[in-house]
Amino acid sequence: MRDSKGFDLWAEEYDEYVKKVENSGRYPFAGYRDILNLILNKIQNKPRAKVLDIGFGTAPISSVLYSQGYEIWGQDFSKSMLENAQSKMPDAHLFLKDFSEGLDSEIQKNNYDFIIATYCLHHLLDNDQRISFIKDLVSLLNDSGIIMIGDVMFQNSSEREECRLKDKDIWDEEENYFIVDEIKKVFPNIKFVKYSYCSGLLSLSKD
C-alpha cells in the first residue's frame, strides 16, 4: 500500500494529474469522470442520504453532495487530503486512518444509505483482506443501501494482462486490481459495469 506521506505531497496536484491522464484516454484513469458521474447521479436519486466515502481524497463526489445537504462521513489515510476535503466540507465527519487497518470506530457506529470507494481499494494488496473489508462495509448498509466501487478493474485476468502489455511504460506492478470473475465467487450478486478498457463500477446491495 502506498505511504500516506506520498499522498500528502501529491494532494495539491492530484486532481490536475487525474484530469491529464483521463484526457489522454489511458490507464489508470480512462473512464474516471464517467464513473464518478454515475455514482453521483445514483446517490442524487435519494435526497439527503447518509453517505460514507472510503478513501475520499480531494472529495470530488462528496463535496458536491455535501453542498446539496447530504450527510457525509469519510475515512482517508492522508492528512493533507483530509484537510483539503474538510475545508470544502466543514461539518462532514472525516477520520484519519489507514483503511488497511480497518474502519474508524466512530464510522462503525453508524449505518449508511450509500458507501462509495473510488480508486482506492486496489491499495489493499491482500485479496482476503479486501474481501473481509468489503464484508465489513456491507454490514454497515441500511436495508436498501448500496456499495459502489469505482476503480481500475478487469472482467478477467486476460483483460488485465492485455492492459499491462498495452501500458507497460506506466503500469504499476505494486497495485492489486479487481478481477470481476474472482470477486463474483465471493459476492455472486455484485453487479459490474465496464467504462473503459481499464476501469469499471461494482455495485453491491445488502440483500
C-alpha atoms as a PDB file:
ATOM      1  CA  MET A   1       0.000   0.000   0.000  1.00  0.00           C
ATOM      2  CA  ARG A   2       1.272   3.476  -0.796  1.00  0.00           C
ATOM      3  CA  ASP A   3       2.775   5.516   2.020  1.00  0.00           C
ATOM      4  CA  SER A   4       0.418   8.224   3.254  1.00  0.00           C
ATOM      5  CA  LYS A   5       3.263  10.753   3.066  1.00  0.00           C
ATOM      6  CA  GLY A   6       3.347  10.297  -0.697  1.00  0.00           C
ATOM      7  CA  PHE A   7      -0.318  11.228  -0.915  1.00  0.00           C
ATOM      8  CA  ASP A   8       0.258  14.178   1.419  1.00  0.00           C
ATOM      9  CA  LEU A   9       2.791  15.547  -1.060  1.00  0.00           C
ATOM     10  CA  TRP A  10       0.503  14.775  -4.006  1.00  0.00           C
ATOM     11  CA  ALA A  11      -2.686  16.297  -2.577  1.00  0.00           C
ATOM     12  CA  GLU A  12      -2.483  19.702  -4.258  1.00  0.00           C
ATOM     13  CA  GLU A  13      -1.636  18.262  -7.679  1.00  0.00           C
ATOM     14  CA  TYR A  14      -3.817  15.154  -7.628  1.00  0.00           C
ATOM     15  CA  ASP A  15      -6.893  16.485  -9.457  1.00  0.00           C
ATOM     16  CA  GLU A  16      -4.827  18.003 -12.260  1.00  0.00           C
ATOM     17  CA  TYR A  17      -2.849  14.792 -12.682  1.00  0.00           C
ATOM     18  CA  VAL A  18      -6.016  12.704 -12.880  1.00  0.00           C
ATOM     19  CA  LYS A  19      -7.545  15.074 -15.438  1.00  0.00           C
ATOM     20  CA  LYS A  20      -4.433  14.960 -17.605  1.00  0.00           C
ATOM     21  CA  VAL A  21      -4.270  11.152 -17.661  1.00  0.00           C
ATOM     22  CA  GLU A  22      -8.025  10.802 -18.172  1.00  0.00           C
ATOM     23  CA  ASN A  23      -7.952  13.164 -21.142  1.00  0.00           C
ATOM     24  CA  SER A  24      -5.242  11.001 -22.696  1.00  0.00           C
ATOM     25  CA  GLY A  25      -7.649   8.031 -22.542  1.00  0.00           C
ATOM     26  CA  ARG A  26      -5.044   5.858 -20.888  1.00  0.00           C
ATOM     27  CA  TYR A  27      -4.644   3.657 -17.825  1.00  0.00           C
ATOM     28  CA  PRO A  28      -5.297   4.152 -14.990  1.00  0.00           C
ATOM     29  CA  PHE A  29      -7.860   6.968 -15.313  1.00  0.00           C
ATOM     30  CA  ALA A  30      -9.617   6.284 -18.620  1.00  0.00           C
ATOM     31  CA  GLY A  31     -13.336   6.472 -17.807  1.00  0.00           C
ATOM     32  CA  TYR A  32     -12.752   8.150 -14.439  1.00  0.00           C
ATOM     33  CA  ARG A  33     -15.198  11.038 -14.916  1.00  0.00           C
ATOM     34  CA  ASP A  34     -17.970   8.765 -16.246  1.00  0.00           C
ATOM     35  CA  ILE A  35     -17.664   6.529 -13.192  1.00  0.00           C
ATOM     36  CA  LEU A  36     -17.785   9.427 -10.745  1.00  0.00           C
ATOM     37  CA  ASN A  37     -20.770  10.945 -12.544  1.00  0.00           C
ATOM     38  CA  LEU A  38     -22.689   7.671 -12.440  1.00  0.00           C
ATOM     39  CA  ILE A  39     -22.054   7.321  -8.686  1.00  0.00           C
ATOM     40  CA  LEU A  40     -23.082  10.924  -8.109  1.00  0.00           C
ATOM     41  CA  ASN A  41     -26.271  10.591 -10.169  1.00  0.00           C
ATOM     42  CA  LYS A  42     -27.237   7.382  -8.380  1.00  0.00           C
ATOM     43  CA  ILE A  43     -26.922   8.994  -4.962  1.00  0.00           C
ATOM     44  CA  GLN A  44     -28.749  12.138  -6.052  1.00  0.00           C
ATOM     45  CA  ASN A  45     -31.841   9.996  -6.697  1.00  0.00           C
ATOM     46  CA  LYS A  46     -32.135   9.778  -2.898  1.00  0.00           C
ATOM     47  CA  PRO A  47     -32.019  13.325  -1.460  1.00  0.00           C
ATOM     48  CA  ARG A  48     -30.271  13.891   1.880  1.00  0.00           C
ATOM     49  CA  ALA A  49     -28.989  10.352   2.161  1.00  0.00           C
ATOM     50  CA  LYS A  50     -26.201   9.372   4.541  1.00  0.00           C
ATOM     51  CA  VAL A  51     -23.009   8.686   2.614  1.00  0.00           C
ATOM     52  CA  LEU A  52     -19.741   7.037   3.667  1.00  0.00           C
ATOM     53  CA  ASP A  53     -16.806   7.815   1.373  1.00  0.00           C
ATOM     54  CA  ILE A  54     -13.815   5.480   1.774  1.00  0.00           C
ATOM     55  CA  GLY A  55     -10.503   6.944   0.602  1.00  0.00           C
ATOM     56  CA  PHE A  56     -12.231  10.215  -0.247  1.00  0.00           C
ATOM     57  CA  GLY A  57      -9.056  12.022  -1.343  1.00  0.00           C
ATOM     58  CA  THR A  58      -9.926  15.508  -2.576  1.00  0.00           C
ATOM     59  CA  ALA A  59     -13.652  14.643  -2.245  1.00  0.00           C
ATOM     60  CA  PRO A  60     -14.777  15.111  -5.878  1.00  0.00           C
ATOM     61  CA  ILE A  61     -18.077  13.329  -5.180  1.00  0.00           C
ATOM     62  CA  SER A  62     -18.653  14.046  -1.508  1.00  0.00           C
ATOM     63  CA  SER A  63     -18.086  17.784  -1.766  1.00  0.00           C
ATOM     64  CA  VAL A  64     -20.852  18.063  -4.377  1.00  0.00           C
ATOM     65  CA  LEU A  65     -23.231  16.004  -2.249  1.00  0.00           C
ATOM     66  CA  TYR A  66     -22.305  17.982   0.861  1.00  0.00           C
ATOM     67  CA  SER A  67     -23.256  21.228  -0.877  1.00  0.00           C
ATOM     68  CA  GLN A  68     -26.646  19.664  -1.615  1.00  0.00           C
ATOM     69  CA  GLY A  69     -27.370  18.801   2.007  1.00  0.00           C
ATOM     70  CA  TYR A  70     -26.171  15.191   2.223  1.00  0.00           C
ATOM     71  CA  GLU A  71     -24.665  13.869   5.455  1.00  0.00           C
ATOM     72  CA  ILE A  72     -21.071  12.939   4.668  1.00  0.00           C
ATOM     73  CA  TRP A  73     -18.817  10.560   6.551  1.00  0.00           C
ATOM     74  CA  GLY A  74     -15.392   9.513   5.345  1.00  0.00           C
ATOM     75  CA  GLN A  75     -12.029   7.950   6.056  1.00  0.00           C
ATOM     76  CA  ASP A  76      -8.668   8.575   4.404  1.00  0.00           C
ATOM     77  CA  PHE A  77      -5.069   7.918   5.399  1.00  0.00           C
ATOM     78  CA  SER A  78      -3.620  11.175   4.078  1.00  0.00           C
ATOM     79  CA  LYS A  79      -3.628  14.138   6.458  1.00  0.00           C
ATOM     80  CA  SER A  80      -3.292  16.609   3.594  1.00  0.00           C
ATOM     81  CA  MET A  81      -6.167  15.021   1.658  1.00  0.00           C
ATOM     82  CA  LEU A  82      -8.304  15.144   4.799  1.00  0.00           C
ATOM     83  CA  GLU A  83      -7.502  18.804   5.420  1.00  0.00           C
ATOM     84  CA  ASN A  84      -8.299  19.578   1.779  1.00  0.00           C
ATOM     85  CA  ALA A  85     -11.640  17.780   1.996  1.00  0.00           C
ATOM     86  CA  GLN A  86     -12.542  19.245   5.383  1.00  0.00           C
ATOM     87  CA  SER A  87     -12.018  22.759   4.054  1.00  0.00           C
ATOM     88  CA  LYS A  88     -14.684  22.018   1.418  1.00  0.00           C
ATOM     89  CA  MET A  89     -16.990  20.259   3.908  1.00  0.00           C
ATOM     90  CA  PRO A  90     -16.554  21.841   7.366  1.00  0.00           C
ATOM     91  CA  ASP A  91     -19.311  19.825   9.030  1.00  0.00           C
ATOM     92  CA  ALA A  92     -18.541  16.458   7.430  1.00  0.00           C
ATOM     93  CA  HIS A  93     -17.457  13.601   9.702  1.00  0.00           C
ATOM     94  CA  LEU A  94     -13.982  12.813   8.379  1.00  0.00           C
ATOM     95  CA  PHE A  95     -11.483  10.490  10.023  1.00  0.00           C
ATOM     96  CA  LEU A  96      -7.755   9.976   9.519  1.00  0.00           C
ATOM     97  CA  LYS A  97      -6.931   6.274   9.397  1.00  0.00           C
ATOM     98  CA  ASP A  98      -5.388   3.783   7.005  1.00  0.00           C
ATOM     99  CA  PHE A  99      -8.301   1.590   5.872  1.00  0.00           C
ATOM    100  CA  SER A 100      -5.924  -1.381   5.604  1.00  0.00           C
ATOM    101  CA  GLU A 101      -6.143  -1.266   9.413  1.00  0.00           C
ATOM    102  CA  GLY A 102      -9.948  -1.279   9.303  1.00  0.00           C
ATOM    103  CA  LEU A 103     -12.624   1.344   9.814  1.00  0.00           C
ATOM    104  CA  ASP A 104     -12.561   4.054  12.437  1.00  0.00           C
ATOM    105  CA  SER A 105     -14.642   3.092  15.483  1.00  0.00           C
ATOM    106  CA  GLU A 106     -16.908   6.138  15.041  1.00  0.00           C
ATOM    107  CA  ILE A 107     -17.705   5.112  11.480  1.00  0.00           C
ATOM    108  CA  GLN A 108     -18.604   1.618  12.666  1.00  0.00           C
ATOM    109  CA  LYS A 109     -21.278   3.003  14.995  1.00  0.00           C
ATOM    110  CA  ASN A 110     -23.432   4.090  12.057  1.00  0.00           C
ATOM    111  CA  ASN A 111     -25.329   2.723   9.081  1.00  0.00           C
ATOM    112  CA  TYR A 112     -25.319   4.314   5.644  1.00  0.00           C
ATOM    113  CA  ASP A 113     -27.542   4.634   2.600  1.00  0.00           C
ATOM    114  CA  PHE A 114     -24.527   4.658   0.294  1.00  0.00           C
ATOM    115  CA  ILE A 115     -20.924   3.587   0.759  1.00  0.00           C
ATOM    116  CA  ILE A 116     -18.561   4.644  -2.009  1.00  0.00           C
ATOM    117  CA  ALA A 117     -14.917   3.852  -2.713  1.00  0.00           C
ATOM    118  CA  THR A 118     -13.278   5.281  -5.813  1.00  0.00           C
ATOM    119  CA  TYR A 119      -9.777   4.406  -6.964  1.00  0.00           C
ATOM    120  CA  CYS A 120      -8.571   3.324  -3.542  1.00  0.00           C
ATOM    121  CA  LEU A 121      -9.356  -0.321  -2.752  1.00  0.00           C
ATOM    122  CA  HIS A 122      -6.682  -1.527  -5.180  1.00  0.00           C
ATOM    123  CA  HIS A 123      -4.232  -0.433  -2.467  1.00  0.00           C
ATOM    124  CA  LEU A 124      -5.366  -3.415  -0.385  1.00  0.00           C
ATOM    125  CA  LEU A 125      -2.811  -5.866  -1.738  1.00  0.00           C
ATOM    126  CA  ASP A 126      -4.110  -8.891   0.161  1.00  0.00           C
ATOM    127  CA  ASN A 127      -7.211 -10.271  -1.578  1.00  0.00           C
ATOM    128  CA  ASP A 128      -8.545 -11.894   1.601  1.00  0.00           C
ATOM    129  CA  GLN A 129      -8.171  -8.594   3.426  1.00  0.00           C
ATOM    130  CA  ARG A 130     -10.048  -6.772   0.673  1.00  0.00           C
ATOM    131  CA  ILE A 131     -12.895  -9.280   0.723  1.00  0.00           C
ATOM    132  CA  SER A 132     -13.097  -9.024   4.514  1.00  0.00           C
ATOM    133  CA  PHE A 133     -13.150  -5.227   4.265  1.00  0.00           C
ATOM    134  CA  ILE A 134     -15.997  -5.271   1.733  1.00  0.00           C
ATOM    135  CA  LYS A 135     -17.948  -7.610   4.005  1.00  0.00           C
ATOM    136  CA  ASP A 136     -17.471  -5.119   6.832  1.00  0.00           C
ATOM    137  CA  LEU A 137     -18.829  -2.364   4.580  1.00  0.00           C
ATOM    138  CA  VAL A 138     -21.890  -4.448   3.681  1.00  0.00           C
ATOM    139  CA  SER A 139     -22.663  -4.834   7.377  1.00  0.00           C
ATOM    140  CA  LEU A 140     -22.879  -1.029   7.688  1.00  0.00           C
ATOM    141  CA  LEU A 141     -25.503  -0.590   4.974  1.00  0.00           C
ATOM    142  CA  ASN A 142     -29.076   0.365   5.685  1.00  0.00           C
ATOM    143  CA  ASP A 143     -31.617  -2.183   4.409  1.00  0.00           C
ATOM    144  CA  SER A 144     -31.866  -0.508   0.996  1.00  0.00           C
ATOM    145  CA  GLY A 145     -28.234   0.642   0.981  1.00  0.00           C
ATOM    146  CA  ILE A 146     -25.722   0.227  -1.840  1.00  0.00           C
ATOM    147  CA  ILE A 147     -21.939  -0.012  -2.024  1.00  0.00           C
ATOM    148  CA  MET A 148     -20.397   1.426  -5.196  1.00  0.00           C
ATOM    149  CA  ILE A 149     -16.752   0.767  -6.010  1.00  0.00           C
ATOM    150  CA  GLY A 150     -15.228   2.585  -8.972  1.00  0.00           C
ATOM    151  CA  ASP A 151     -11.673   1.629  -9.802  1.00  0.00           C
ATOM    152  CA  VAL A 152      -9.216   0.103 -12.203  1.00  0.00           C
ATOM    153  CA  MET A 153     -10.713  -3.351 -12.745  1.00  0.00           C
ATOM    154  CA  PHE A 154     -10.985  -6.110 -15.313  1.00  0.00           C
ATOM    155  CA  GLN A 155     -13.516  -8.810 -16.137  1.00  0.00           C
ATOM    156  CA  ASN A 156     -10.809 -11.475 -16.038  1.00  0.00           C
ATOM    157  CA  SER A 157      -7.067 -11.974 -15.764  1.00  0.00           C
ATOM    158  CA  SER A 158      -6.669 -11.988 -19.567  1.00  0.00           C
ATOM    159  CA  GLU A 159      -8.044  -8.425 -19.807  1.00  0.00           C
ATOM    160  CA  ARG A 160      -5.686  -7.373 -17.039  1.00  0.00           C
ATOM    161  CA  GLU A 161      -2.714  -8.820 -18.910  1.00  0.00           C
ATOM    162  CA  GLU A 162      -3.768  -7.080 -22.138  1.00  0.00           C
ATOM    163  CA  CYS A 163      -3.838  -3.765 -20.305  1.00  0.00           C
ATOM    164  CA  ARG A 164      -0.493  -4.425 -18.631  1.00  0.00           C
ATOM    165  CA  LEU A 165       1.125  -5.042 -22.015  1.00  0.00           C
ATOM    166  CA  LYS A 166      -0.615  -2.089 -23.663  1.00  0.00           C
ATOM    167  CA  ASP A 167       0.503   0.301 -20.933  1.00  0.00           C
ATOM    168  CA  LYS A 168       3.706  -1.343 -19.801  1.00  0.00           C
ATOM    169  CA  ASP A 169       5.501   2.015 -19.796  1.00  0.00           C
ATOM    170  CA  ILE A 170       3.238   3.306 -16.999  1.00  0.00           C
ATOM    171  CA  TRP A 171       1.853   0.098 -15.460  1.00  0.00           C
ATOM    172  CA  ASP A 172       2.120  -0.062 -11.673  1.00  0.00           C
ATOM    173  CA  GLU A 173       3.128  -3.559 -10.593  1.00  0.00           C
ATOM    174  CA  GLU A 174       2.571  -2.669  -6.937  1.00  0.00           C
ATOM    175  CA  GLU A 175      -1.207  -2.353  -7.271  1.00  0.00           C
ATOM    176  CA  ASN A 176      -3.769  -5.137  -6.840  1.00  0.00           C
ATOM    177  CA  TYR A 177      -6.627  -4.531  -9.255  1.00  0.00           C
ATOM    178  CA  PHE A 178     -10.074  -6.107  -9.101  1.00  0.00           C
ATOM    179  CA  ILE A 179     -10.722  -9.162 -11.262  1.00  0.00           C
ATOM    180  CA  VAL A 180     -14.522  -9.275 -11.515  1.00  0.00           C
ATOM    181  CA  ASP A 181     -14.775 -13.017 -12.191  1.00  0.00           C
ATOM    182  CA  GLU A 182     -12.878 -13.644  -8.951  1.00  0.00           C
ATOM    183  CA  ILE A 183     -14.835 -11.211  -6.786  1.00  0.00           C
ATOM    184  CA  LYS A 184     -18.101 -12.727  -8.052  1.00  0.00           C
ATOM    185  CA  LYS A 185     -17.124 -16.039  -6.473  1.00  0.00           C
ATOM    186  CA  VAL A 186     -17.473 -14.374  -3.078  1.00  0.00           C
ATOM    187  CA  PHE A 187     -20.182 -11.851  -3.917  1.00  0.00           C
ATOM    188  CA  PRO A 188     -22.310 -13.547  -6.618  1.00  0.00           C
ATOM    189  CA  ASN A 189     -24.886 -10.734  -6.629  1.00  0.00           C
ATOM    190  CA  ILE A 190     -22.365  -7.985  -7.281  1.00  0.00           C
ATOM    191  CA  LYS A 191     -23.028  -6.008 -10.469  1.00  0.00           C
ATOM    192  CA  PHE A 192     -20.313  -4.852 -12.858  1.00  0.00           C
ATOM    193  CA  VAL A 193     -20.438  -2.105 -15.466  1.00  0.00           C
ATOM    194  CA  LYS A 194     -17.372  -1.571 -17.643  1.00  0.00           C
ATOM    195  CA  TYR A 195     -16.473   2.028 -18.550  1.00  0.00           C
ATOM    196  CA  SER A 196     -13.150   1.722 -20.318  1.00  0.00           C
ATOM    197  CA  TYR A 197     -10.589  -0.907 -21.171  1.00  0.00           C
ATOM    198  CA  CYS A 198      -9.145  -0.489 -17.660  1.00  0.00           C
ATOM    199  CA  SER A 199     -11.985   0.680 -15.410  1.00  0.00           C
ATOM    200  CA  GLY A 200     -15.450  -0.103 -14.194  1.00  0.00           C
ATOM    201  CA  LEU A 201     -18.006   0.111 -11.418  1.00  0.00           C
ATOM    202  CA  LEU A 202     -19.025  -2.601  -8.954  1.00  0.00           C
ATOM    203  CA  SER A 203     -22.343  -2.274  -7.106  1.00  0.00           C
ATOM    204  CA  LEU A 204     -23.376  -4.386  -4.160  1.00  0.00           C
ATOM    205  CA  SER A 205     -26.506  -4.219  -2.007  1.00  0.00           C
ATOM    206  CA  LYS A 206     -27.145  -5.692   1.434  1.00  0.00           C
ATOM    207  CA  ASP A 207     -29.665  -8.238   0.173  1.00  0.00           C
END
